Amino acid sequence: MTEESPSEPKIAQRPPLVAIYADESCLGNGREGSNPGGAAGVIEYMGRSGSLTRWDYWVSEPGTTNNRMALRSVIEAFRSISRKGVRCRVVFTSDSQYLVKGMSEWVFGWMSRGWKRKEGPILNLELWLEAVEAVRAGGHQVSWRWVRGHEGHPQNEYANHLATRAAREQTQSDGIVPSHFDERLAVEREKERVTVEPQSFPTDEAFRASRQYPVVARPSPGSLT
């Protein structure tokens, strides 16, 4: 190890970029009774050599809603990438406006009012709390992006495939596992079902982080009634 010259400025190393494409599924969403659901995503990371690596994750619940599973897609993703203690810049893409608007806009108003909203109780409050904490505790910078679902976006379609399968089979990946995105994309190409090319990996120059989440005391159960 050589001693640094005082005249050489230190260049701050930016946190690594990660792209996450997530989706959710609830079979029979809105119908009476227990409707099984799944949440899933594909995580992309570009190594220094320029090689792209992907991992998959998925979870399921026996009785749930689309909105609950959209929040689970965030919680599971950020808990997974935080396990190695590395802070990342994350571009998180979902076709759920409920999720994207909630994480980038609504939660700040709720937090300022002690986790309350003007219109009444916050639905799925416990999951909102978990989602915000999963991002904040890892120290990640996040850009929340919305994409229209079911329009051929390859990563979104693949996440939908994982989520729907998890809902149907009620399975869990138990963390992140090597992705089968490329294999499925090849099959879809053979069947001439690919109308849009995969989303390119985000660039350093284009990354714009959303607002950081402040440390806010967790509300006590009695304060929300």
C-alpha atoms as a PDB file:
ATOM      1  CA  MET A   1       0.000   0.000   0.000  1.00  0.00           C
ATOM      2  CA  THR A   2       1.427   3.356  -1.045  1.00  0.00           C
ATOM      3  CA  GLU A   3       1.038   6.625   0.829  1.00  0.00           C
ATOM      4  CA  GLU A   4      -1.342   9.088  -0.839  1.00  0.00           C
ATOM      5  CA  SER A   5       0.071  12.389  -2.030  1.00  0.00           C
ATOM      6  CA  PRO A   6      -1.542  15.349  -0.188  1.00  0.00           C
ATOM      7  CA  SER A   7      -1.970  17.107  -3.521  1.00  0.00           C
ATOM      8  CA  GLU A   8      -4.177  14.321  -4.923  1.00  0.00           C
ATOM      9  CA  PRO A   9      -7.869  14.929  -4.123  1.00  0.00           C
ATOM     10  CA  LYS A  10      -9.854  11.972  -2.898  1.00  0.00           C
ATOM     11  CA  ILE A  11     -12.693  11.003  -5.205  1.00  0.00           C
ATOM     12  CA  ALA A  12     -15.824   9.941  -3.327  1.00  0.00           C
ATOM     13  CA  GLN A  13     -16.922   6.557  -4.530  1.00  0.00           C
ATOM     14  CA  ARG A  14     -20.592   6.471  -5.418  1.00  0.00           C
ATOM     15  CA  PRO A  15     -22.693   3.611  -4.043  1.00  0.00           C
ATOM     16  CA  PRO A  16     -23.297   0.843  -6.580  1.00  0.00           C
ATOM     17  CA  LEU A  17     -26.328   1.064  -8.837  1.00  0.00           C
ATOM     18  CA  VAL A  18     -29.005  -1.627  -8.623  1.00  0.00           C
ATOM     19  CA  ALA A  19     -32.164  -1.937 -10.722  1.00  0.00           C
ATOM     20  CA  ILE A  20     -35.185  -3.747  -9.290  1.00  0.00           C
ATOM     21  CA  TYR A  21     -38.293  -4.602 -11.309  1.00  0.00           C
ATOM     22  CA  ALA A  22     -41.121  -5.788  -9.090  1.00  0.00           C
ATOM     23  CA  ASP A  23     -44.699  -6.911  -9.505  1.00  0.00           C
ATOM     24  CA  GLU A  24     -47.524  -8.375  -7.482  1.00  0.00           C
ATOM     25  CA  SER A  25     -50.409 -10.741  -8.017  1.00  0.00           C
ATOM     26  CA  CYS A  26     -53.592 -11.611  -6.151  1.00  0.00           C
ATOM     27  CA  LEU A  27     -55.721 -14.362  -7.653  1.00  0.00           C
ATOM     28  CA  GLY A  28     -59.313 -13.232  -7.296  1.00  0.00           C
ATOM     29  CA  ASN A  29     -58.393  -9.799  -5.964  1.00  0.00           C
ATOM     30  CA  GLY A  30     -61.498  -8.058  -4.620  1.00  0.00           C
ATOM     31  CA  ARG A  31     -63.624 -11.177  -4.371  1.00  0.00           C
ATOM     32  CA  GLU A  32     -64.938 -12.377  -1.037  1.00  0.00           C
ATOM     33  CA  GLY A  33     -62.949 -15.004   0.805  1.00  0.00           C
ATOM     34  CA  SER A  34     -59.227 -15.699   0.992  1.00  0.00           C
ATOM     35  CA  ASN A  35     -57.461 -14.814  -2.246  1.00  0.00           C
ATOM     36  CA  PRO A  36     -53.893 -16.136  -2.627  1.00  0.00           C
ATOM     37  CA  GLY A  37     -51.260 -13.653  -3.700  1.00  0.00           C
ATOM     38  CA  GLY A  38     -47.607 -13.325  -4.612  1.00  0.00           C
ATOM     39  CA  ALA A  39     -44.959 -10.627  -4.833  1.00  0.00           C
ATOM     40  CA  ALA A  40     -41.754 -10.920  -6.809  1.00  0.00           C
ATOM     41  CA  GLY A  41     -38.989  -9.144  -8.612  1.00  0.00           C
ATOM     42  CA  VAL A  42     -35.812  -9.362 -10.626  1.00  0.00           C
ATOM     43  CA  ILE A  43     -32.735  -7.547  -9.293  1.00  0.00           C
ATOM     44  CA  GLU A  44     -30.021  -6.364 -11.700  1.00  0.00           C
ATOM     45  CA  TYR A  45     -26.440  -5.375 -10.913  1.00  0.00           C
ATOM     46  CA  MET A  46     -23.742  -4.249 -13.347  1.00  0.00           C
ATOM     47  CA  GLY A  47     -20.256  -5.346 -12.302  1.00  0.00           C
ATOM     48  CA  ARG A  48     -17.107  -3.320 -12.913  1.00  0.00           C
ATOM     49  CA  SER A  49     -16.310  -5.576 -15.840  1.00  0.00           C
ATOM     50  CA  GLY A  50     -19.556  -4.558 -17.519  1.00  0.00           C
ATOM     51  CA  SER A  51     -21.283  -7.892 -16.995  1.00  0.00           C
ATOM     52  CA  LEU A  52     -24.925  -7.808 -15.877  1.00  0.00           C
ATOM     53  CA  THR A  53     -26.000 -10.182 -13.120  1.00  0.00           C
ATOM     54  CA  ARG A  54     -29.597 -10.879 -12.175  1.00  0.00           C
ATOM     55  CA  TRP A  55     -31.294 -12.443  -9.157  1.00  0.00           C
ATOM     56  CA  ASP A  56     -34.924 -13.335  -8.510  1.00  0.00           C
ATOM     57  CA  TYR A  57     -37.033 -13.268  -5.372  1.00  0.00           C
ATOM     58  CA  TRP A  58     -40.654 -14.075  -4.574  1.00  0.00           C
ATOM     59  CA  VAL A  59     -43.003 -14.492  -1.624  1.00  0.00           C
ATOM     60  CA  SER A  60     -46.649 -15.489  -1.195  1.00  0.00           C
ATOM     61  CA  GLU A  61     -49.599 -15.163   1.152  1.00  0.00           C
ATOM     62  CA  PRO A  62     -52.695 -17.421   1.309  1.00  0.00           C
ATOM     63  CA  GLY A  63     -55.154 -14.542   1.754  1.00  0.00           C
ATOM     64  CA  THR A  64     -54.177 -11.031   0.643  1.00  0.00           C
ATOM     65  CA  THR A  65     -54.698  -8.148  -1.813  1.00  0.00           C
ATOM     66  CA  ASN A  66     -52.751  -6.643  -4.708  1.00  0.00           C
ATOM     67  CA  ASN A  67     -51.836  -3.604  -2.615  1.00  0.00           C
ATOM     68  CA  ARG A  68     -50.495  -5.705   0.256  1.00  0.00           C
ATOM     69  CA  MET A  69     -48.340  -7.706  -2.127  1.00  0.00           C
ATOM     70  CA  ALA A  70     -47.033  -4.564  -3.841  1.00  0.00           C
ATOM     71  CA  LEU A  71     -45.675  -3.473  -0.461  1.00  0.00           C
ATOM     72  CA  ARG A  72     -44.265  -6.944   0.156  1.00  0.00           C
ATOM     73  CA  SER A  73     -42.334  -6.612  -3.120  1.00  0.00           C
ATOM     74  CA  VAL A  74     -40.485  -3.623  -1.639  1.00  0.00           C
ATOM     75  CA  ILE A  75     -39.909  -5.127   1.797  1.00  0.00           C
ATOM     76  CA  GLU A  76     -38.450  -8.385   0.482  1.00  0.00           C
ATOM     77  CA  ALA A  77     -36.263  -6.666  -2.123  1.00  0.00           C
ATOM     78  CA  PHE A  78     -34.643  -4.180   0.255  1.00  0.00           C
ATOM     79  CA  ARG A  79     -34.188  -6.677   3.046  1.00  0.00           C
ATOM     80  CA  SER A  80     -32.405  -8.939   0.567  1.00  0.00           C
ATOM     81  CA  ILE A  81     -30.005  -6.336  -0.821  1.00  0.00           C
ATOM     82  CA  SER A  82     -29.284  -5.002   2.683  1.00  0.00           C
ATOM     83  CA  ARG A  83     -28.026  -8.313   4.043  1.00  0.00           C
ATOM     84  CA  LYS A  84     -24.432  -7.654   2.958  1.00  0.00           C
ATOM     85  CA  GLY A  85     -24.414  -4.204   4.530  1.00  0.00           C
ATOM     86  CA  VAL A  86     -23.755  -2.362   1.253  1.00  0.00           C
ATOM     87  CA  ARG A  87     -25.559   0.897   0.618  1.00  0.00           C
ATOM     88  CA  CYS A  88     -26.904   1.123  -2.920  1.00  0.00           C
ATOM     89  CA  ARG A  89     -28.490   3.527  -5.336  1.00  0.00           C
ATOM     90  CA  VAL A  90     -31.634   1.718  -6.393  1.00  0.00           C
ATOM     91  CA  VAL A  91     -33.947   2.289  -9.340  1.00  0.00           C
ATOM     92  CA  PHE A  92     -37.125   0.528  -8.228  1.00  0.00           C
ATOM     93  CA  THR A  93     -39.707   0.009 -10.987  1.00  0.00           C
ATOM     94  CA  SER A  94     -43.266  -1.211 -10.430  1.00  0.00           C
ATOM     95  CA  ASP A  95     -46.585  -1.059 -12.282  1.00  0.00           C
ATOM     96  CA  SER A  96     -48.368  -0.246  -9.004  1.00  0.00           C
ATOM     97  CA  GLN A  97     -49.142   3.472  -8.773  1.00  0.00           C
ATOM     98  CA  TYR A  98     -50.338   2.800  -5.220  1.00  0.00           C
ATOM     99  CA  LEU A  99     -46.813   1.724  -4.334  1.00  0.00           C
ATOM    100  CA  VAL A 100     -44.808   4.276  -6.340  1.00  0.00           C
ATOM    101  CA  LYS A 101     -46.887   7.280  -5.283  1.00  0.00           C
ATOM    102  CA  GLY A 102     -47.068   6.022  -1.726  1.00  0.00           C
ATOM    103  CA  MET A 103     -43.312   5.553  -1.293  1.00  0.00           C
ATOM    104  CA  SER A 104     -42.327   8.745  -3.137  1.00  0.00           C
ATOM    105  CA  GLU A 105     -45.092  11.101  -1.974  1.00  0.00           C
ATOM    106  CA  TRP A 106     -47.795   9.972   0.469  1.00  0.00           C
ATOM    107  CA  VAL A 107     -45.631   8.609   3.277  1.00  0.00           C
ATOM    108  CA  PHE A 108     -44.042  12.008   3.947  1.00  0.00           C
ATOM    109  CA  GLY A 109     -47.424  13.557   4.707  1.00  0.00           C
ATOM    110  CA  TRP A 110     -48.434  10.587   6.840  1.00  0.00           C
ATOM    111  CA  MET A 111     -45.200  10.784   8.821  1.00  0.00           C
ATOM    112  CA  SER A 112     -45.634  14.519   9.447  1.00  0.00           C
ATOM    113  CA  ARG A 113     -49.052  13.774  10.938  1.00  0.00           C
ATOM    114  CA  GLY A 114     -47.873  10.918  13.156  1.00  0.00           C
ATOM    115  CA  TRP A 115     -48.676   8.241  10.580  1.00  0.00           C
ATOM    116  CA  LYS A 116     -52.205   9.435  10.012  1.00  0.00           C
ATOM    117  CA  ARG A 117     -54.001  10.692   6.941  1.00  0.00           C
ATOM    118  CA  LYS A 118     -56.746  13.283   6.640  1.00  0.00           C
ATOM    119  CA  GLU A 119     -59.252  10.847   5.105  1.00  0.00           C
ATOM    120  CA  GLY A 120     -59.037   8.262   7.877  1.00  0.00           C
ATOM    121  CA  PRO A 121     -56.896   5.257   8.879  1.00  0.00           C
ATOM    122  CA  ILE A 122     -53.994   4.258   6.628  1.00  0.00           C
ATOM    123  CA  LEU A 123     -54.756   0.906   5.056  1.00  0.00           C
ATOM    124  CA  ASN A 124     -51.906  -1.619   5.297  1.00  0.00           C
ATOM    125  CA  LEU A 125     -50.146   0.669   7.783  1.00  0.00           C
ATOM    126  CA  GLU A 126     -47.919  -2.059   9.210  1.00  0.00           C
ATOM    127  CA  LEU A 127     -46.606  -2.876   5.739  1.00  0.00           C
ATOM    128  CA  TRP A 128     -45.994   0.813   4.916  1.00  0.00           C
ATOM    129  CA  LEU A 129     -43.964   1.066   8.113  1.00  0.00           C
ATOM    130  CA  GLU A 130     -41.963  -2.041   7.197  1.00  0.00           C
ATOM    131  CA  ALA A 131     -41.353  -0.828   3.634  1.00  0.00           C
ATOM    132  CA  VAL A 132     -40.075   2.586   4.725  1.00  0.00           C
ATOM    133  CA  GLU A 133     -37.873   1.050   7.412  1.00  0.00           C
ATOM    134  CA  ALA A 134     -36.451  -1.552   4.994  1.00  0.00           C
ATOM    135  CA  VAL A 135     -35.265   1.279   2.725  1.00  0.00           C
ATOM    136  CA  ARG A 136     -34.172   3.698   5.449  1.00  0.00           C
ATOM    137  CA  ALA A 137     -32.327   1.156   7.610  1.00  0.00           C
ATOM    138  CA  GLY A 138     -30.215   0.044   4.669  1.00  0.00           C
ATOM    139  CA  GLY A 139     -29.177   3.620   3.908  1.00  0.00           C
ATOM    140  CA  HIS A 140     -30.180   3.249   0.278  1.00  0.00           C
ATOM    141  CA  GLN A 141     -30.932   6.054  -2.166  1.00  0.00           C
ATOM    142  CA  VAL A 142     -33.960   5.197  -4.272  1.00  0.00           C
ATOM    143  CA  SER A 143     -35.524   6.413  -7.486  1.00  0.00           C
ATOM    144  CA  TRP A 144     -39.147   5.192  -7.625  1.00  0.00           C
ATOM    145  CA  ARG A 145     -40.427   4.622 -11.148  1.00  0.00           C
ATOM    146  CA  TRP A 146     -43.773   3.538 -12.539  1.00  0.00           C
ATOM    147  CA  VAL A 147     -44.263   1.474 -15.692  1.00  0.00           C
ATOM    148  CA  ARG A 148     -47.569   0.557 -17.284  1.00  0.00           C
ATOM    149  CA  GLY A 149     -48.221  -3.133 -16.707  1.00  0.00           C
ATOM    150  CA  HIS A 150     -49.061  -5.804 -19.257  1.00  0.00           C
ATOM    151  CA  GLU A 151     -47.590  -3.872 -22.179  1.00  0.00           C
ATOM    152  CA  GLY A 152     -44.704  -6.164 -22.971  1.00  0.00           C
ATOM    153  CA  HIS A 153     -41.975  -4.616 -20.787  1.00  0.00           C
ATOM    154  CA  PRO A 154     -39.722  -7.722 -20.434  1.00  0.00           C
ATOM    155  CA  GLN A 155     -38.580  -7.200 -16.829  1.00  0.00           C
ATOM    156  CA  ASN A 156     -42.083  -6.256 -15.690  1.00  0.00           C
ATOM    157  CA  GLU A 157     -43.585  -9.253 -17.496  1.00  0.00           C
ATOM    158  CA  TYR A 158     -41.007 -11.542 -15.906  1.00  0.00           C
ATOM    159  CA  ALA A 159     -41.704 -10.170 -12.418  1.00  0.00           C
ATOM    160  CA  ASN A 160     -45.415 -10.704 -13.093  1.00  0.00           C
ATOM    161  CA  HIS A 161     -44.669 -14.305 -14.093  1.00  0.00           C
ATOM    162  CA  LEU A 162     -42.787 -14.897 -10.825  1.00  0.00           C
ATOM    163  CA  ALA A 163     -45.494 -13.240  -8.723  1.00  0.00           C
ATOM    164  CA  THR A 164     -48.350 -15.108 -10.381  1.00  0.00           C
ATOM    165  CA  ARG A 165     -46.544 -18.429 -10.011  1.00  0.00           C
ATOM    166  CA  ALA A 166     -45.834 -17.701  -6.340  1.00  0.00           C
ATOM    167  CA  ALA A 167     -49.511 -16.872  -5.771  1.00  0.00           C
ATOM    168  CA  ARG A 168     -50.675 -20.029  -7.518  1.00  0.00           C
ATOM    169  CA  GLU A 169     -48.146 -22.395  -5.916  1.00  0.00           C
ATOM    170  CA  GLN A 170     -47.807 -20.538  -2.574  1.00  0.00           C
ATOM    171  CA  THR A 171     -44.009 -20.684  -2.621  1.00  0.00           C
ATOM    172  CA  GLN A 172     -41.170 -18.521  -1.288  1.00  0.00           C
ATOM    173  CA  SER A 173     -37.660 -18.044  -2.671  1.00  0.00           C
ATOM    174  CA  ASP A 174     -36.219 -17.505   0.849  1.00  0.00           C
ATOM    175  CA  GLY A 175     -34.037 -14.620  -0.262  1.00  0.00           C
ATOM    176  CA  ILE A 176     -32.539 -13.956  -3.679  1.00  0.00           C
ATOM    177  CA  VAL A 177     -31.669 -16.768  -6.079  1.00  0.00           C
ATOM    178  CA  PRO A 178     -29.990 -16.843  -9.524  1.00  0.00           C
ATOM    179  CA  SER A 179     -32.387 -15.495 -12.126  1.00  0.00           C
ATOM    180  CA  HIS A 180     -33.930 -17.354 -15.059  1.00  0.00           C
ATOM    181  CA  PHE A 181     -34.793 -14.128 -16.868  1.00  0.00           C
ATOM    182  CA  ASP A 182     -32.557 -14.837 -19.868  1.00  0.00           C
ATOM    183  CA  GLU A 183     -33.916 -18.362 -20.343  1.00  0.00           C
ATOM    184  CA  ARG A 184     -37.521 -17.203 -20.246  1.00  0.00           C
ATOM    185  CA  LEU A 185     -36.758 -14.273 -22.566  1.00  0.00           C
ATOM    186  CA  ALA A 186     -35.234 -16.699 -25.081  1.00  0.00           C
ATOM    187  CA  VAL A 187     -38.365 -18.849 -24.988  1.00  0.00           C
ATOM    188  CA  GLU A 188     -40.584 -15.814 -25.458  1.00  0.00           C
ATOM    189  CA  ARG A 189     -38.448 -14.705 -28.419  1.00  0.00           C
ATOM    190  CA  GLU A 190     -38.877 -18.119 -30.066  1.00  0.00           C
ATOM    191  CA  LYS A 191     -42.634 -17.765 -29.692  1.00  0.00           C
ATOM    192  CA  GLU A 192     -42.405 -14.234 -31.162  1.00  0.00           C
ATOM    193  CA  ARG A 193     -43.971 -12.741 -28.038  1.00  0.00           C
ATOM    194  CA  VAL A 194     -41.262 -10.145 -27.390  1.00  0.00           C
ATOM    195  CA  THR A 195     -42.398  -6.771 -28.720  1.00  0.00           C
ATOM    196  CA  VAL A 196     -40.223  -4.546 -26.509  1.00  0.00           C
ATOM    197  CA  GLU A 197     -36.536  -4.943 -25.747  1.00  0.00           C
ATOM    198  CA  PRO A 198     -35.452  -5.299 -22.089  1.00  0.00           C
ATOM    199  CA  GLN A 199     -34.990  -2.057 -20.193  1.00  0.00           C
ATOM    200  CA  SER A 200     -31.357  -1.016 -20.334  1.00  0.00           C
ATOM    201  CA  PHE A 201     -29.431  -0.746 -17.086  1.00  0.00           C
ATOM    202  CA  PRO A 202     -29.672   2.748 -15.524  1.00  0.00           C
ATOM    203  CA  THR A 203     -26.739   5.117 -15.854  1.00  0.00           C
ATOM    204  CA  ASP A 204     -24.964   7.133 -13.178  1.00  0.00           C
ATOM    205  CA  GLU A 205     -25.812  10.361 -14.976  1.00  0.00           C
ATOM    206  CA  ALA A 206     -29.544   9.646 -15.145  1.00  0.00           C
ATOM    207  CA  PHE A 207     -29.973   8.562 -11.534  1.00  0.00           C
ATOM    208  CA  ARG A 208     -32.018  10.986  -9.437  1.00  0.00           C
ATOM    209  CA  ALA A 209     -32.838   9.879  -5.911  1.00  0.00           C
ATOM    210  CA  SER A 210     -36.226  10.536  -4.367  1.00  0.00           C
ATOM    211  CA  ARG A 211     -36.505  12.135  -0.925  1.00  0.00           C
ATOM    212  CA  GLN A 212     -34.759  10.320   1.896  1.00  0.00           C
ATOM    213  CA  TYR A 213     -36.916   9.004   4.715  1.00  0.00           C
ATOM    214  CA  PRO A 214     -36.353  10.747   8.053  1.00  0.00           C
ATOM    215  CA  VAL A 215     -36.145   8.847  11.313  1.00  0.00           C
ATOM    216  CA  VAL A 216     -39.671   8.994  12.694  1.00  0.00           C
ATOM    217  CA  ALA A 217     -40.897   7.308  15.856  1.00  0.00           C
ATOM    218  CA  ARG A 218     -43.036   4.272  15.214  1.00  0.00           C
ATOM    219  CA  PRO A 219     -46.635   5.070  16.183  1.00  0.00           C
ATOM    220  CA  SER A 220     -48.060   3.358  19.243  1.00  0.00           C
ATOM    221  CA  PRO A 221     -51.229   1.307  18.583  1.00  0.00           C
ATOM    222  CA  GLY A 222     -53.335   3.584  20.761  1.00  0.00           C
ATOM    223  CA  SER A 223     -52.294   6.749  18.920  1.00  0.00           C
ATOM    224  CA  LEU A 224     -53.873   5.593  15.649  1.00  0.00           C
ATOM    225  CA  THR A 225     -57.398   5.060  16.895  1.00  0.00           C
END
